[in-house]
Amino acid sequence: MLRYFCSILLLLSTMFCQAQSVWDKLNKDPFKNSQVYFGFRAGANYTTVDVINRYSLIKPTTSLDEGLYDKKYQEVENMGIIYGVTFLYQFEQRLVLGANASVNQIRFQYTQEQPGSTRSVNFIHNHDLNYLDVPVFFRFMFRKVNSQFWDKSSRKPTVPAVIPFAQAGLNFSMLINANKEYTKFTTQNGIESQEFQKNEDIKSIMSPYTVGAFIGVGARIRVSTFYITAEANFRKGLNNANNQNARYLNDNLQNEAYDIMDDFSFQSVEALIGVIFPLKYLSKKEFMPVEI
């Protein structure tokens, strides 16, 4: 009987030591305290133009009329779309390093009028630009930090299903294509008529690269073994989106629309929804991800 009792004690102590060893290993192993995500994101943006310097081929006869010939930037045709992929490395319970690769559509419009006593001319310029965006950012997760990542039963701690976050970073953009649609209207004796509508490739007169900064907020929502993310960001361009050296190279715009583009940068508000998938698993057989 004594031998049987000692055997049971030995077995229980061995199991306890093994559990303790697993618990210590999980808490000490950095691999178990980090996660890598890959996913997809899409959304919409609203862009406004911040004019740096104004340029025009048409000069008023008096200084009092200078404002009449300025481009008037509109805010009704400025909605664009964003879509792409995202990469996230969560190296601490609250800190995430991320990078995206997205196609970002920028749309904006301005009008330019040539007033006259009997006949006036009005040009409407619609712009449609597509950039390859690569934002690099830090994300801070607003959540309680677990003092130890695993408990003594080797079970993962409770991680909130919804975690809000704030983020900030830099955005690097490369111009893919740029198109301008310009329409000429004339008004005479109170009657307006459209003379023509044309399209022009303006990639050559735009800056091929731009840089910006952004800040934003959002939330990560757990759904089964993957996550939904929702975010809203404010972006501000840090350099001129127009190519100063190529300002006067498009003869069609100058001869037909008397158009010379201003120096400007973009600022935008964007809203996106994403789906991200963890790439590190405790058990690939059951697809149990490392959750932090």
C-alpha atoms as a PDB file:
ATOM      1  CA  MET A   1       0.000   0.000   0.000  1.00  0.00           C
ATOM      2  CA  LEU A   2       2.797   2.386   0.930  1.00  0.00           C
ATOM      3  CA  ARG A   3       4.525   1.647  -2.363  1.00  0.00           C
ATOM      4  CA  TYR A   4       1.283   2.357  -4.248  1.00  0.00           C
ATOM      5  CA  PHE A   5       0.776   5.643  -2.356  1.00  0.00           C
ATOM      6  CA  CYS A   6       4.354   6.779  -3.087  1.00  0.00           C
ATOM      7  CA  SER A   7       3.892   6.016  -6.769  1.00  0.00           C
ATOM      8  CA  ILE A   8       0.839   8.275  -6.926  1.00  0.00           C
ATOM      9  CA  LEU A   9       2.705  11.111  -5.177  1.00  0.00           C
ATOM     10  CA  LEU A  10       5.610  10.744  -7.581  1.00  0.00           C
ATOM     11  CA  LEU A  11       3.298  10.864 -10.570  1.00  0.00           C
ATOM     12  CA  LEU A  12       1.477  13.966  -9.299  1.00  0.00           C
ATOM     13  CA  SER A  13       4.714  15.782  -8.537  1.00  0.00           C
ATOM     14  CA  THR A  14       6.039  14.963 -12.008  1.00  0.00           C
ATOM     15  CA  MET A  15       2.887  16.341 -13.636  1.00  0.00           C
ATOM     16  CA  PHE A  16       3.088  19.501 -11.502  1.00  0.00           C
ATOM     17  CA  CYS A  17       6.718  20.065 -12.442  1.00  0.00           C
ATOM     18  CA  GLN A  18       5.938  19.581 -16.113  1.00  0.00           C
ATOM     19  CA  ALA A  19       3.043  22.067 -15.934  1.00  0.00           C
ATOM     20  CA  GLN A  20       5.230  24.504 -14.046  1.00  0.00           C
ATOM     21  CA  SER A  21       7.937  24.096 -16.679  1.00  0.00           C
ATOM     22  CA  VAL A  22       5.488  24.755 -19.529  1.00  0.00           C
ATOM     23  CA  TRP A  23       4.150  27.834 -17.744  1.00  0.00           C
ATOM     24  CA  ASP A  24       7.664  29.204 -17.165  1.00  0.00           C
ATOM     25  CA  LYS A  25       8.650  28.492 -20.752  1.00  0.00           C
ATOM     26  CA  LEU A  26       5.627  30.251 -22.204  1.00  0.00           C
ATOM     27  CA  ASN A  27       6.182  33.317 -20.054  1.00  0.00           C
ATOM     28  CA  LYS A  28       9.879  33.512 -20.852  1.00  0.00           C
ATOM     29  CA  ASP A  29       9.695  32.784 -24.574  1.00  0.00           C
ATOM     30  CA  PRO A  30       9.520  36.102 -26.512  1.00  0.00           C
ATOM     31  CA  PHE A  31       7.921  34.268 -29.423  1.00  0.00           C
ATOM     32  CA  LYS A  32       4.806  33.701 -27.321  1.00  0.00           C
ATOM     33  CA  ASN A  33       4.577  37.367 -26.375  1.00  0.00           C
ATOM     34  CA  SER A  34       4.414  38.769 -29.900  1.00  0.00           C
ATOM     35  CA  GLN A  35       2.245  38.366 -32.981  1.00  0.00           C
ATOM     36  CA  VAL A  36       2.454  39.073 -36.691  1.00  0.00           C
ATOM     37  CA  TYR A  37      -0.631  39.958 -38.746  1.00  0.00           C
ATOM     38  CA  PHE A  38      -1.385  40.178 -42.430  1.00  0.00           C
ATOM     39  CA  GLY A  39      -4.622  41.531 -43.815  1.00  0.00           C
ATOM     40  CA  PHE A  40      -6.617  43.637 -46.222  1.00  0.00           C
ATOM     41  CA  ARG A  41      -8.129  47.099 -45.835  1.00  0.00           C
ATOM     42  CA  ALA A  42     -10.430  49.331 -47.853  1.00  0.00           C
ATOM     43  CA  GLY A  43     -12.272  52.589 -47.383  1.00  0.00           C
ATOM     44  CA  ALA A  44     -12.889  56.115 -48.598  1.00  0.00           C
ATOM     45  CA  ASN A  45     -11.226  59.498 -48.245  1.00  0.00           C
ATOM     46  CA  TYR A  46     -12.254  63.128 -48.483  1.00  0.00           C
ATOM     47  CA  THR A  47      -9.475  65.420 -49.754  1.00  0.00           C
ATOM     48  CA  THR A  48      -8.989  69.174 -49.661  1.00  0.00           C
ATOM     49  CA  VAL A  49      -6.241  71.215 -51.306  1.00  0.00           C
ATOM     50  CA  ASP A  50      -3.907  73.492 -49.369  1.00  0.00           C
ATOM     51  CA  VAL A  51      -2.575  76.098 -51.825  1.00  0.00           C
ATOM     52  CA  ILE A  52       1.070  77.099 -51.311  1.00  0.00           C
ATOM     53  CA  ASN A  53       1.598  79.503 -54.263  1.00  0.00           C
ATOM     54  CA  ARG A  54      -0.856  80.625 -56.948  1.00  0.00           C
ATOM     55  CA  TYR A  55      -0.026  80.782 -60.668  1.00  0.00           C
ATOM     56  CA  SER A  56      -2.053  81.926 -63.669  1.00  0.00           C
ATOM     57  CA  LEU A  57      -1.546  82.760 -67.347  1.00  0.00           C
ATOM     58  CA  ILE A  58      -4.315  85.349 -67.228  1.00  0.00           C
ATOM     59  CA  LYS A  59      -3.413  88.657 -65.638  1.00  0.00           C
ATOM     60  CA  PRO A  60      -6.004  91.283 -64.655  1.00  0.00           C
ATOM     61  CA  THR A  61      -5.673  94.833 -65.951  1.00  0.00           C
ATOM     62  CA  THR A  62      -5.882  96.260 -62.413  1.00  0.00           C
ATOM     63  CA  SER A  63      -4.757  94.898 -59.069  1.00  0.00           C
ATOM     64  CA  LEU A  64      -8.312  95.196 -57.771  1.00  0.00           C
ATOM     65  CA  ASP A  65      -9.395  92.388 -60.109  1.00  0.00           C
ATOM     66  CA  GLU A  66      -6.717  89.864 -59.107  1.00  0.00           C
ATOM     67  CA  GLY A  67      -9.110  87.731 -57.080  1.00  0.00           C
ATOM     68  CA  LEU A  68     -11.479  87.335 -60.038  1.00  0.00           C
ATOM     69  CA  TYR A  69      -9.016  85.151 -61.943  1.00  0.00           C
ATOM     70  CA  ASP A  70      -7.888  82.960 -59.030  1.00  0.00           C
ATOM     71  CA  LYS A  71      -8.701  79.270 -59.124  1.00  0.00           C
ATOM     72  CA  LYS A  72     -11.638  78.472 -56.855  1.00  0.00           C
ATOM     73  CA  TYR A  73     -11.169  75.064 -55.272  1.00  0.00           C
ATOM     74  CA  GLN A  74     -14.414  73.164 -54.773  1.00  0.00           C
ATOM     75  CA  GLU A  75     -15.290  70.622 -52.094  1.00  0.00           C
ATOM     76  CA  VAL A  76     -18.023  68.538 -53.732  1.00  0.00           C
ATOM     77  CA  GLU A  77     -16.068  66.220 -56.061  1.00  0.00           C
ATOM     78  CA  ASN A  78     -13.387  65.270 -53.553  1.00  0.00           C
ATOM     79  CA  MET A  79     -14.295  61.703 -52.551  1.00  0.00           C
ATOM     80  CA  GLY A  80     -11.866  58.903 -53.386  1.00  0.00           C
ATOM     81  CA  ILE A  81     -11.265  55.264 -52.456  1.00  0.00           C
ATOM     82  CA  ILE A  82      -8.418  53.380 -50.758  1.00  0.00           C
ATOM     83  CA  TYR A  83      -7.667  49.658 -50.917  1.00  0.00           C
ATOM     84  CA  GLY A  84      -4.659  47.501 -50.180  1.00  0.00           C
ATOM     85  CA  VAL A  85      -2.876  45.218 -47.722  1.00  0.00           C
ATOM     86  CA  THR A  86      -1.538  45.711 -44.213  1.00  0.00           C
ATOM     87  CA  PHE A  87       1.308  44.196 -42.166  1.00  0.00           C
ATOM     88  CA  LEU A  88       1.425  44.460 -38.366  1.00  0.00           C
ATOM     89  CA  TYR A  89       3.984  43.345 -35.807  1.00  0.00           C
ATOM     90  CA  GLN A  90       2.740  43.451 -32.224  1.00  0.00           C
ATOM     91  CA  PHE A  91       5.869  43.181 -30.097  1.00  0.00           C
ATOM     92  CA  GLU A  92       4.247  44.144 -26.798  1.00  0.00           C
ATOM     93  CA  GLN A  93       0.744  44.016 -25.384  1.00  0.00           C
ATOM     94  CA  ARG A  94       0.165  47.698 -26.114  1.00  0.00           C
ATOM     95  CA  LEU A  95       2.598  48.479 -28.937  1.00  0.00           C
ATOM     96  CA  VAL A  96       2.284  47.644 -32.626  1.00  0.00           C
ATOM     97  CA  LEU A  97       4.540  48.519 -35.576  1.00  0.00           C
ATOM     98  CA  GLY A  98       2.686  48.600 -38.893  1.00  0.00           C
ATOM     99  CA  ALA A  99       3.081  49.226 -42.610  1.00  0.00           C
ATOM    100  CA  ASN A 100       0.506  49.309 -45.399  1.00  0.00           C
ATOM    101  CA  ALA A 101       0.655  49.134 -49.179  1.00  0.00           C
ATOM    102  CA  SER A 102      -2.418  50.766 -50.706  1.00  0.00           C
ATOM    103  CA  VAL A 103      -3.769  52.356 -53.845  1.00  0.00           C
ATOM    104  CA  ASN A 104      -5.072  55.771 -52.846  1.00  0.00           C
ATOM    105  CA  GLN A 105      -7.359  57.709 -55.186  1.00  0.00           C
ATOM    106  CA  ILE A 106      -7.217  61.507 -54.803  1.00  0.00           C
ATOM    107  CA  ARG A 107      -9.929  63.597 -56.451  1.00  0.00           C
ATOM    108  CA  PHE A 108     -10.285  67.372 -56.411  1.00  0.00           C
ATOM    109  CA  GLN A 109     -11.837  70.118 -58.514  1.00  0.00           C
ATOM    110  CA  TYR A 110     -11.359  73.808 -59.174  1.00  0.00           C
ATOM    111  CA  THR A 111     -13.001  76.362 -61.435  1.00  0.00           C
ATOM    112  CA  GLN A 112     -11.468  79.378 -63.142  1.00  0.00           C
ATOM    113  CA  GLU A 113     -13.509  82.213 -64.612  1.00  0.00           C
ATOM    114  CA  GLN A 114     -12.667  84.810 -67.226  1.00  0.00           C
ATOM    115  CA  PRO A 115     -15.318  87.498 -66.653  1.00  0.00           C
ATOM    116  CA  GLY A 116     -16.408  89.889 -69.374  1.00  0.00           C
ATOM    117  CA  SER A 117     -18.956  92.648 -69.880  1.00  0.00           C
ATOM    118  CA  THR A 118     -20.900  90.790 -72.601  1.00  0.00           C
ATOM    119  CA  ARG A 119     -19.308  87.337 -72.686  1.00  0.00           C
ATOM    120  CA  SER A 120     -17.735  85.342 -69.861  1.00  0.00           C
ATOM    121  CA  VAL A 121     -15.844  82.053 -69.911  1.00  0.00           C
ATOM    122  CA  ASN A 122     -15.723  79.488 -67.137  1.00  0.00           C
ATOM    123  CA  PHE A 123     -13.463  76.397 -66.958  1.00  0.00           C
ATOM    124  CA  ILE A 124     -14.142  73.433 -64.657  1.00  0.00           C
ATOM    125  CA  HIS A 125     -11.130  71.227 -63.917  1.00  0.00           C
ATOM    126  CA  ASN A 126     -11.655  67.758 -62.415  1.00  0.00           C
ATOM    127  CA  HIS A 127      -8.575  65.833 -61.286  1.00  0.00           C
ATOM    128  CA  ASP A 128      -8.273  62.107 -60.662  1.00  0.00           C
ATOM    129  CA  LEU A 129      -4.934  60.901 -59.263  1.00  0.00           C
ATOM    130  CA  ASN A 130      -3.882  57.448 -58.063  1.00  0.00           C
ATOM    131  CA  TYR A 131      -0.969  56.929 -55.689  1.00  0.00           C
ATOM    132  CA  LEU A 132       0.780  53.876 -54.323  1.00  0.00           C
ATOM    133  CA  ASP A 133       0.853  54.650 -50.603  1.00  0.00           C
ATOM    134  CA  VAL A 134       3.223  53.094 -48.068  1.00  0.00           C
ATOM    135  CA  PRO A 135       2.352  54.343 -44.566  1.00  0.00           C
ATOM    136  CA  VAL A 136       4.659  53.333 -41.706  1.00  0.00           C
ATOM    137  CA  PHE A 137       3.255  53.844 -38.217  1.00  0.00           C
ATOM    138  CA  PHE A 138       3.159  53.018 -34.512  1.00  0.00           C
ATOM    139  CA  ARG A 139      -0.098  51.937 -32.902  1.00  0.00           C
ATOM    140  CA  PHE A 140      -0.879  52.117 -29.176  1.00  0.00           C
ATOM    141  CA  MET A 141      -3.518  49.694 -27.866  1.00  0.00           C
ATOM    142  CA  PHE A 142      -5.645  50.965 -24.966  1.00  0.00           C
ATOM    143  CA  ARG A 143      -5.926  47.861 -22.797  1.00  0.00           C
ATOM    144  CA  LYS A 144      -4.980  46.413 -19.447  1.00  0.00           C
ATOM    145  CA  VAL A 145      -1.532  44.818 -19.402  1.00  0.00           C
ATOM    146  CA  ASN A 146      -1.355  41.265 -18.086  1.00  0.00           C
ATOM    147  CA  SER A 147       1.519  40.922 -15.613  1.00  0.00           C
ATOM    148  CA  GLN A 148       2.169  37.405 -16.881  1.00  0.00           C
ATOM    149  CA  PHE A 149       1.185  36.225 -20.288  1.00  0.00           C
ATOM    150  CA  TRP A 150       0.187  32.716 -19.241  1.00  0.00           C
ATOM    151  CA  ASP A 151      -1.300  31.440 -15.996  1.00  0.00           C
ATOM    152  CA  LYS A 152      -0.167  28.328 -14.114  1.00  0.00           C
ATOM    153  CA  SER A 153      -2.652  26.140 -15.939  1.00  0.00           C
ATOM    154  CA  SER A 154      -0.939  27.066 -19.218  1.00  0.00           C
ATOM    155  CA  ARG A 155      -4.067  28.828 -20.390  1.00  0.00           C
ATOM    156  CA  LYS A 156      -3.899  32.153 -22.137  1.00  0.00           C
ATOM    157  CA  PRO A 157      -5.112  35.189 -20.166  1.00  0.00           C
ATOM    158  CA  THR A 158      -8.268  37.044 -20.990  1.00  0.00           C
ATOM    159  CA  VAL A 159      -7.741  39.473 -23.878  1.00  0.00           C
ATOM    160  CA  PRO A 160     -10.519  42.048 -24.496  1.00  0.00           C
ATOM    161  CA  ALA A 161     -12.641  41.283 -27.542  1.00  0.00           C
ATOM    162  CA  VAL A 162     -12.631  44.966 -28.509  1.00  0.00           C
ATOM    163  CA  ILE A 163      -9.471  47.049 -28.052  1.00  0.00           C
ATOM    164  CA  PRO A 164      -9.395  50.736 -29.067  1.00  0.00           C
ATOM    165  CA  PHE A 165      -6.151  52.197 -30.365  1.00  0.00           C
ATOM    166  CA  ALA A 166      -4.453  55.398 -31.473  1.00  0.00           C
ATOM    167  CA  GLN A 167      -1.799  55.588 -34.184  1.00  0.00           C
ATOM    168  CA  ALA A 168       0.580  58.012 -35.878  1.00  0.00           C
ATOM    169  CA  GLY A 169       3.117  57.757 -38.670  1.00  0.00           C
ATOM    170  CA  LEU A 170       4.544  58.907 -41.973  1.00  0.00           C
ATOM    171  CA  ASN A 171       3.118  58.237 -45.425  1.00  0.00           C
ATOM    172  CA  PHE A 172       5.256  57.809 -48.564  1.00  0.00           C
ATOM    173  CA  SER A 173       3.426  58.031 -51.893  1.00  0.00           C
ATOM    174  CA  MET A 174       4.408  57.322 -55.489  1.00  0.00           C
ATOM    175  CA  LEU A 175       2.209  58.661 -58.289  1.00  0.00           C
ATOM    176  CA  ILE A 176       0.760  55.885 -60.480  1.00  0.00           C
ATOM    177  CA  ASN A 177      -1.352  57.952 -62.884  1.00  0.00           C
ATOM    178  CA  ALA A 178      -2.987  61.376 -63.063  1.00  0.00           C
ATOM    179  CA  ASN A 179      -5.811  62.559 -65.278  1.00  0.00           C
ATOM    180  CA  LYS A 180      -7.489  65.936 -65.713  1.00  0.00           C
ATOM    181  CA  GLU A 181     -10.892  66.506 -67.298  1.00  0.00           C
ATOM    182  CA  TYR A 182     -11.467  70.137 -68.246  1.00  0.00           C
ATOM    183  CA  THR A 183     -14.686  71.635 -69.559  1.00  0.00           C
ATOM    184  CA  LYS A 184     -15.210  75.069 -71.099  1.00  0.00           C
ATOM    185  CA  PHE A 185     -18.494  76.960 -70.665  1.00  0.00           C
ATOM    186  CA  THR A 186     -19.351  80.351 -72.193  1.00  0.00           C
ATOM    187  CA  THR A 187     -22.118  82.673 -71.076  1.00  0.00           C
ATOM    188  CA  GLN A 188     -23.433  85.345 -73.433  1.00  0.00           C
ATOM    189  CA  ASN A 189     -26.661  87.329 -73.138  1.00  0.00           C
ATOM    190  CA  GLY A 190     -27.593  85.206 -70.133  1.00  0.00           C
ATOM    191  CA  ILE A 191     -27.301  81.927 -72.077  1.00  0.00           C
ATOM    192  CA  GLU A 192     -24.700  79.348 -71.008  1.00  0.00           C
ATOM    193  CA  SER A 193     -23.332  76.788 -73.461  1.00  0.00           C
ATOM    194  CA  GLN A 194     -20.671  74.101 -73.288  1.00  0.00           C
ATOM    195  CA  GLU A 195     -17.977  74.494 -75.921  1.00  0.00           C
ATOM    196  CA  PHE A 196     -15.898  71.368 -75.237  1.00  0.00           C
ATOM    197  CA  GLN A 197     -14.895  68.739 -72.693  1.00  0.00           C
ATOM    198  CA  LYS A 198     -11.456  67.091 -72.903  1.00  0.00           C
ATOM    199  CA  ASN A 199      -9.180  64.764 -70.950  1.00  0.00           C
ATOM    200  CA  GLU A 200      -5.471  65.208 -70.436  1.00  0.00           C
ATOM    201  CA  ASP A 201      -2.778  63.041 -68.868  1.00  0.00           C
ATOM    202  CA  ILE A 202      -1.045  65.291 -66.327  1.00  0.00           C
ATOM    203  CA  LYS A 203       1.334  62.789 -64.719  1.00  0.00           C
ATOM    204  CA  SER A 204       4.327  64.571 -66.249  1.00  0.00           C
ATOM    205  CA  ILE A 205       3.518  67.862 -64.493  1.00  0.00           C
ATOM    206  CA  MET A 206       2.870  66.308 -61.078  1.00  0.00           C
ATOM    207  CA  SER A 207       5.515  65.421 -58.509  1.00  0.00           C
ATOM    208  CA  PRO A 208       6.282  61.679 -58.765  1.00  0.00           C
ATOM    209  CA  TYR A 209       6.697  61.350 -54.969  1.00  0.00           C
ATOM    210  CA  THR A 210       5.029  62.966 -51.972  1.00  0.00           C
ATOM    211  CA  VAL A 211       5.438  62.594 -48.221  1.00  0.00           C
ATOM    212  CA  GLY A 212       2.863  63.159 -45.511  1.00  0.00           C
ATOM    213  CA  ALA A 213       2.123  62.553 -41.841  1.00  0.00           C
ATOM    214  CA  PHE A 214      -1.008  61.173 -40.265  1.00  0.00           C
ATOM    215  CA  ILE A 215      -2.707  60.493 -36.934  1.00  0.00           C
ATOM    216  CA  GLY A 216      -5.753  58.361 -36.274  1.00  0.00           C
ATOM    217  CA  VAL A 217      -7.905  56.309 -33.948  1.00  0.00           C
ATOM    218  CA  GLY A 218      -9.678  53.004 -34.279  1.00  0.00           C
ATOM    219  CA  ALA A 219     -10.502  49.653 -32.730  1.00  0.00           C
ATOM    220  CA  ARG A 220      -9.558  45.992 -33.134  1.00  0.00           C
ATOM    221  CA  ILE A 221     -12.463  43.522 -32.854  1.00  0.00           C
ATOM    222  CA  ARG A 222     -11.935  39.792 -32.405  1.00  0.00           C
ATOM    223  CA  VAL A 223     -14.031  37.498 -34.602  1.00  0.00           C
ATOM    224  CA  SER A 224     -13.206  33.825 -34.084  1.00  0.00           C
ATOM    225  CA  THR A 225      -9.497  33.441 -34.947  1.00  0.00           C
ATOM    226  CA  PHE A 226      -9.181  36.676 -36.953  1.00  0.00           C
ATOM    227  CA  TYR A 227      -9.841  40.360 -36.340  1.00  0.00           C
ATOM    228  CA  ILE A 228     -11.818  43.231 -37.831  1.00  0.00           C
ATOM    229  CA  THR A 229     -10.239  46.689 -37.622  1.00  0.00           C
ATOM    230  CA  ALA A 230     -11.966  50.038 -38.051  1.00  0.00           C
ATOM    231  CA  GLU A 231      -9.964  53.263 -38.231  1.00  0.00           C
ATOM    232  CA  ALA A 232     -10.250  56.946 -39.065  1.00  0.00           C
ATOM    233  CA  ASN A 233      -7.180  59.021 -39.951  1.00  0.00           C
ATOM    234  CA  PHE A 234      -6.286  62.616 -40.697  1.00  0.00           C
ATOM    235  CA  ARG A 235      -3.486  63.009 -43.256  1.00  0.00           C
ATOM    236  CA  LYS A 236      -1.443  66.101 -44.051  1.00  0.00           C
ATOM    237  CA  GLY A 237       0.899  66.429 -47.033  1.00  0.00           C
ATOM    238  CA  LEU A 238       4.360  67.788 -46.211  1.00  0.00           C
ATOM    239  CA  ASN A 239       5.584  68.718 -49.692  1.00  0.00           C
ATOM    240  CA  ASN A 240       4.392  70.149 -53.001  1.00  0.00           C
ATOM    241  CA  ALA A 241       2.277  67.688 -55.015  1.00  0.00           C
ATOM    242  CA  ASN A 242       2.974  69.663 -58.206  1.00  0.00           C
ATOM    243  CA  ASN A 243       6.198  69.403 -60.220  1.00  0.00           C
ATOM    244  CA  GLN A 244       7.597  72.944 -60.204  1.00  0.00           C
ATOM    245  CA  ASN A 245      10.084  72.193 -62.981  1.00  0.00           C
ATOM    246  CA  ALA A 246       7.349  70.961 -65.337  1.00  0.00           C
ATOM    247  CA  ARG A 247       4.756  73.637 -64.642  1.00  0.00           C
ATOM    248  CA  TYR A 248       4.720  75.039 -68.204  1.00  0.00           C
ATOM    249  CA  LEU A 249       5.319  71.833 -70.172  1.00  0.00           C
ATOM    250  CA  ASN A 250       1.709  70.942 -71.053  1.00  0.00           C
ATOM    251  CA  ASP A 251       0.863  73.044 -74.128  1.00  0.00           C
ATOM    252  CA  ASN A 252      -2.682  71.679 -74.472  1.00  0.00           C
ATOM    253  CA  LEU A 253      -3.754  72.978 -71.074  1.00  0.00           C
ATOM    254  CA  GLN A 254      -2.131  76.355 -71.656  1.00  0.00           C
ATOM    255  CA  ASN A 255      -3.512  76.895 -75.153  1.00  0.00           C
ATOM    256  CA  GLU A 256      -7.024  75.512 -74.619  1.00  0.00           C
ATOM    257  CA  ALA A 257      -7.782  76.200 -70.960  1.00  0.00           C
ATOM    258  CA  TYR A 258      -5.175  78.870 -70.075  1.00  0.00           C
ATOM    259  CA  ASP A 259      -4.358  76.630 -67.146  1.00  0.00           C
ATOM    260  CA  ILE A 260      -1.192  76.593 -65.043  1.00  0.00           C
ATOM    261  CA  MET A 261      -1.419  74.546 -61.875  1.00  0.00           C
ATOM    262  CA  ASP A 262      -0.746  76.091 -58.486  1.00  0.00           C
ATOM    263  CA  ASP A 263       1.702  74.765 -55.936  1.00  0.00           C
ATOM    264  CA  PHE A 264      -0.343  72.791 -53.416  1.00  0.00           C
ATOM    265  CA  SER A 265      -0.386  69.911 -50.977  1.00  0.00           C
ATOM    266  CA  PHE A 266      -3.192  67.579 -49.962  1.00  0.00           C
ATOM    267  CA  GLN A 267      -4.885  66.994 -46.668  1.00  0.00           C
ATOM    268  CA  SER A 268      -7.537  64.360 -46.191  1.00  0.00           C
ATOM    269  CA  VAL A 269      -9.757  62.495 -43.780  1.00  0.00           C
ATOM    270  CA  GLU A 270     -10.095  58.767 -44.377  1.00  0.00           C
ATOM    271  CA  ALA A 271     -12.172  55.929 -42.929  1.00  0.00           C
ATOM    272  CA  LEU A 272     -11.205  52.270 -43.422  1.00  0.00           C
ATOM    273  CA  ILE A 273     -12.339  48.771 -42.513  1.00  0.00           C
ATOM    274  CA  GLY A 274      -9.822  45.927 -42.444  1.00  0.00           C
ATOM    275  CA  VAL A 275      -9.517  42.206 -41.831  1.00  0.00           C
ATOM    276  CA  ILE A 276      -6.276  40.923 -40.280  1.00  0.00           C
ATOM    277  CA  PHE A 277      -5.141  37.341 -39.716  1.00  0.00           C
ATOM    278  CA  PRO A 278      -2.584  36.226 -37.096  1.00  0.00           C
ATOM    279  CA  LEU A 279       0.353  34.288 -38.525  1.00  0.00           C
ATOM    280  CA  LYS A 280       1.767  32.780 -35.324  1.00  0.00           C
ATOM    281  CA  TYR A 281      -0.078  29.850 -33.764  1.00  0.00           C
ATOM    282  CA  LEU A 282       0.275  27.903 -30.517  1.00  0.00           C
ATOM    283  CA  SER A 283      -1.197  24.923 -32.294  1.00  0.00           C
ATOM    284  CA  LYS A 284      -1.407  24.772 -36.045  1.00  0.00           C
ATOM    285  CA  LYS A 285      -3.588  21.705 -35.826  1.00  0.00           C
ATOM    286  CA  GLU A 286      -6.353  23.544 -33.950  1.00  0.00           C
ATOM    287  CA  PHE A 287      -5.348  26.949 -35.408  1.00  0.00           C
ATOM    288  CA  MET A 288      -5.050  28.450 -31.952  1.00  0.00           C
ATOM    289  CA  PRO A 289      -3.322  31.816 -32.505  1.00  0.00           C
ATOM    290  CA  VAL A 290      -1.028  33.598 -30.102  1.00  0.00           C
ATOM    291  CA  GLU A 291      -3.360  36.284 -28.769  1.00  0.00           C
ATOM    292  CA  ILE A 292      -2.045  39.394 -27.054  1.00  0.00           C
END
